[in-house]
Amino acid sequence: MNKKFAFVLEIVWLVLAIASIIAATHKTINSSFKESYLMFIIAIICLLMYAIRRGVRKYSEKNQ
């Protein structure tokens, strides 16, 4: 995979995670946690994907 594409994909996951956390917090403040827990789960998944992508990219850079 192209290095720039991998880096852009990593940034996209990070931006999605931050946006999900903001949206979930806003929904929790205006409604309840019962209505926004799915957004928090999405944020956690995005953060995991970011961490995995970052790890793969660092490993790839180290071995080249």
N, C-alpha and C. Protein backbone atom coordinates (compact mmCIF):
# COMPACT_ATOMS: atom_id res chain seq x y z
N MET A 1 0.84 -1.17 0.00
CA MET A 1 0.00 0.00 0.00
C MET A 1 0.90 1.24 0.00
N ASN A 2 0.46 2.23 -0.71
CA ASN A 2 1.19 3.48 -0.79
C ASN A 2 1.30 4.13 0.59
N LYS A 3 2.47 4.68 0.91
CA LYS A 3 2.68 5.28 2.22
C LYS A 3 1.76 6.46 2.49
N LYS A 4 1.55 7.29 1.48
CA LYS A 4 0.67 8.45 1.66
C LYS A 4 -0.77 8.02 1.86
N PHE A 5 -1.21 7.02 1.11
CA PHE A 5 -2.57 6.53 1.26
C PHE A 5 -2.78 5.94 2.65
N ALA A 6 -1.81 5.20 3.15
CA ALA A 6 -1.90 4.61 4.49
C ALA A 6 -1.98 5.71 5.54
N PHE A 7 -1.20 6.77 5.36
CA PHE A 7 -1.22 7.88 6.32
C PHE A 7 -2.56 8.62 6.26
N VAL A 8 -3.09 8.83 5.06
CA VAL A 8 -4.38 9.51 4.91
C VAL A 8 -5.49 8.67 5.53
N LEU A 9 -5.45 7.37 5.32
CA LEU A 9 -6.43 6.48 5.91
C LEU A 9 -6.37 6.52 7.43
N GLU A 10 -5.17 6.59 7.96
CA GLU A 10 -4.98 6.70 9.40
C GLU A 10 -5.61 7.99 9.94
N ILE A 11 -5.39 9.08 9.25
CA ILE A 11 -5.96 10.37 9.66
C ILE A 11 -7.48 10.35 9.57
N VAL A 12 -8.01 9.71 8.54
CA VAL A 12 -9.48 9.62 8.39
C VAL A 12 -10.08 8.89 9.59
N TRP A 13 -9.48 7.79 10.01
CA TRP A 13 -9.99 7.07 11.18
C TRP A 13 -9.94 7.93 12.43
N LEU A 14 -8.88 8.71 12.58
CA LEU A 14 -8.75 9.58 13.74
C LEU A 14 -9.81 10.68 13.72
N VAL A 15 -10.05 11.27 12.58
CA VAL A 15 -11.07 12.32 12.46
C VAL A 15 -12.46 11.75 12.73
N LEU A 16 -12.73 10.56 12.20
CA LEU A 16 -14.02 9.92 12.46
C LEU A 16 -14.21 9.62 13.94
N ALA A 17 -13.15 9.20 14.60
CA ALA A 17 -13.23 8.92 16.03
C ALA A 17 -13.53 10.19 16.82
N ILE A 18 -12.84 11.27 16.50
CA ILE A 18 -13.06 12.54 17.20
C ILE A 18 -14.48 13.05 16.94
N ALA A 19 -14.92 12.98 15.70
CA ALA A 19 -16.28 13.43 15.36
C ALA A 19 -17.33 12.58 16.08
N SER A 20 -17.09 11.29 16.17
CA SER A 20 -18.03 10.40 16.86
C SER A 20 -18.10 10.70 18.35
N ILE A 21 -16.96 10.98 18.94
CA ILE A 21 -16.93 11.32 20.37
C ILE A 21 -17.68 12.62 20.62
N ILE A 22 -17.47 13.60 19.77
CA ILE A 22 -18.16 14.89 19.92
C ILE A 22 -19.66 14.70 19.74
N ALA A 23 -20.07 13.96 18.72
CA ALA A 23 -21.49 13.73 18.47
C ALA A 23 -22.13 12.95 19.62
N ALA A 24 -21.43 11.95 20.12
CA ALA A 24 -21.97 11.14 21.22
C ALA A 24 -22.10 11.97 22.49
N THR A 25 -21.11 12.80 22.76
CA THR A 25 -21.18 13.66 23.94
C THR A 25 -22.33 14.65 23.83
N HIS A 26 -22.49 15.23 22.67
CA HIS A 26 -23.59 16.17 22.44
C HIS A 26 -24.94 15.47 22.61
N LYS A 27 -25.07 14.28 22.07
CA LYS A 27 -26.32 13.52 22.19
C LYS A 27 -26.58 13.13 23.65
N THR A 28 -25.53 12.79 24.39
CA THR A 28 -25.68 12.43 25.79
C THR A 28 -26.13 13.62 26.62
N ILE A 29 -25.58 14.79 26.35
CA ILE A 29 -25.96 15.99 27.08
C ILE A 29 -27.41 16.36 26.80
N ASN A 30 -27.82 16.29 25.54
CA ASN A 30 -29.17 16.67 25.16
C ASN A 30 -30.22 15.60 25.45
N SER A 31 -29.84 14.35 25.42
CA SER A 31 -30.79 13.26 25.66
C SER A 31 -30.30 12.44 26.84
N SER A 32 -30.01 11.19 26.59
CA SER A 32 -29.50 10.32 27.64
C SER A 32 -28.45 9.38 27.05
N PHE A 33 -27.75 8.73 27.95
CA PHE A 33 -26.73 7.78 27.50
C PHE A 33 -27.37 6.60 26.78
N LYS A 34 -28.58 6.28 27.16
CA LYS A 34 -29.30 5.16 26.54
C LYS A 34 -29.49 5.38 25.04
N GLU A 35 -29.61 6.62 24.64
CA GLU A 35 -29.82 6.93 23.22
C GLU A 35 -28.50 7.15 22.47
N SER A 36 -27.40 7.30 23.18
CA SER A 36 -26.14 7.63 22.50
C SER A 36 -25.04 6.59 22.67
N TYR A 37 -25.31 5.49 23.33
CA TYR A 37 -24.24 4.52 23.57
C TYR A 37 -23.70 3.94 22.26
N LEU A 38 -24.55 3.83 21.23
CA LEU A 38 -24.09 3.30 19.94
C LEU A 38 -23.02 4.20 19.33
N MET A 39 -23.15 5.51 19.50
CA MET A 39 -22.14 6.44 18.98
C MET A 39 -20.81 6.26 19.70
N PHE A 40 -20.86 5.97 21.00
CA PHE A 40 -19.63 5.72 21.74
C PHE A 40 -18.97 4.42 21.26
N ILE A 41 -19.77 3.43 20.93
CA ILE A 41 -19.23 2.18 20.39
C ILE A 41 -18.56 2.43 19.04
N ILE A 42 -19.19 3.24 18.21
CA ILE A 42 -18.60 3.59 16.92
C ILE A 42 -17.28 4.33 17.12
N ALA A 43 -17.23 5.23 18.11
CA ALA A 43 -15.99 5.96 18.40
C ALA A 43 -14.88 5.00 18.83
N ILE A 44 -15.22 4.03 19.65
CA ILE A 44 -14.22 3.05 20.10
C ILE A 44 -13.71 2.23 18.92
N ILE A 45 -14.61 1.83 18.04
CA ILE A 45 -14.21 1.07 16.85
C ILE A 45 -13.28 1.91 15.98
N CYS A 46 -13.60 3.18 15.80
CA CYS A 46 -12.74 4.07 15.00
C CYS A 46 -11.37 4.22 15.64
N LEU A 47 -11.33 4.35 16.96
CA LEU A 47 -10.03 4.46 17.64
C LEU A 47 -9.22 3.17 17.51
N LEU A 48 -9.89 2.03 17.57
CA LEU A 48 -9.19 0.76 17.37
C LEU A 48 -8.64 0.65 15.95
N MET A 49 -9.45 1.04 14.97
CA MET A 49 -8.98 1.00 13.58
C MET A 49 -7.79 1.95 13.38
N TYR A 50 -7.84 3.12 14.02
CA TYR A 50 -6.72 4.06 13.95
C TYR A 50 -5.46 3.42 14.52
N ALA A 51 -5.60 2.80 15.68
CA ALA A 51 -4.44 2.18 16.33
C ALA A 51 -3.87 1.05 15.48
N ILE A 52 -4.75 0.24 14.90
CA ILE A 52 -4.30 -0.86 14.05
C ILE A 52 -3.58 -0.33 12.82
N ARG A 53 -4.18 0.65 12.14
CA ARG A 53 -3.58 1.23 10.94
C ARG A 53 -2.22 1.85 11.28
N ARG A 54 -2.14 2.55 12.40
CA ARG A 54 -0.88 3.18 12.80
C ARG A 54 0.18 2.11 13.07
N GLY A 55 -0.22 1.06 13.76
CA GLY A 55 0.72 -0.02 14.04
C GLY A 55 1.23 -0.69 12.78
N VAL A 56 0.33 -0.94 11.83
CA VAL A 56 0.72 -1.56 10.57
C VAL A 56 1.66 -0.63 9.80
N ARG A 57 1.35 0.67 9.77
CA ARG A 57 2.19 1.61 9.05
C ARG A 57 3.59 1.70 9.69
N LYS A 58 3.65 1.79 11.01
CA LYS A 58 4.95 1.86 11.70
C LYS A 58 5.75 0.58 11.48
N TYR A 59 5.08 -0.56 11.52
CA TYR A 59 5.76 -1.84 11.30
C TYR A 59 6.31 -1.92 9.87
N SER A 60 5.50 -1.44 8.93
CA SER A 60 5.91 -1.45 7.52
C SER A 60 7.11 -0.53 7.29
N GLU A 61 7.07 0.65 7.90
CA GLU A 61 8.19 1.59 7.75
C GLU A 61 9.46 1.05 8.38
N LYS A 62 9.32 0.35 9.49
CA LYS A 62 10.48 -0.18 10.21
C LYS A 62 11.16 -1.29 9.41
N ASN A 63 10.37 -2.11 8.71
CA ASN A 63 10.92 -3.24 7.98
C ASN A 63 11.37 -2.92 6.57
N GLN A 64 11.21 -1.70 6.12
CA GLN A 64 11.64 -1.36 4.76
C GLN A 64 12.95 -0.66 4.76
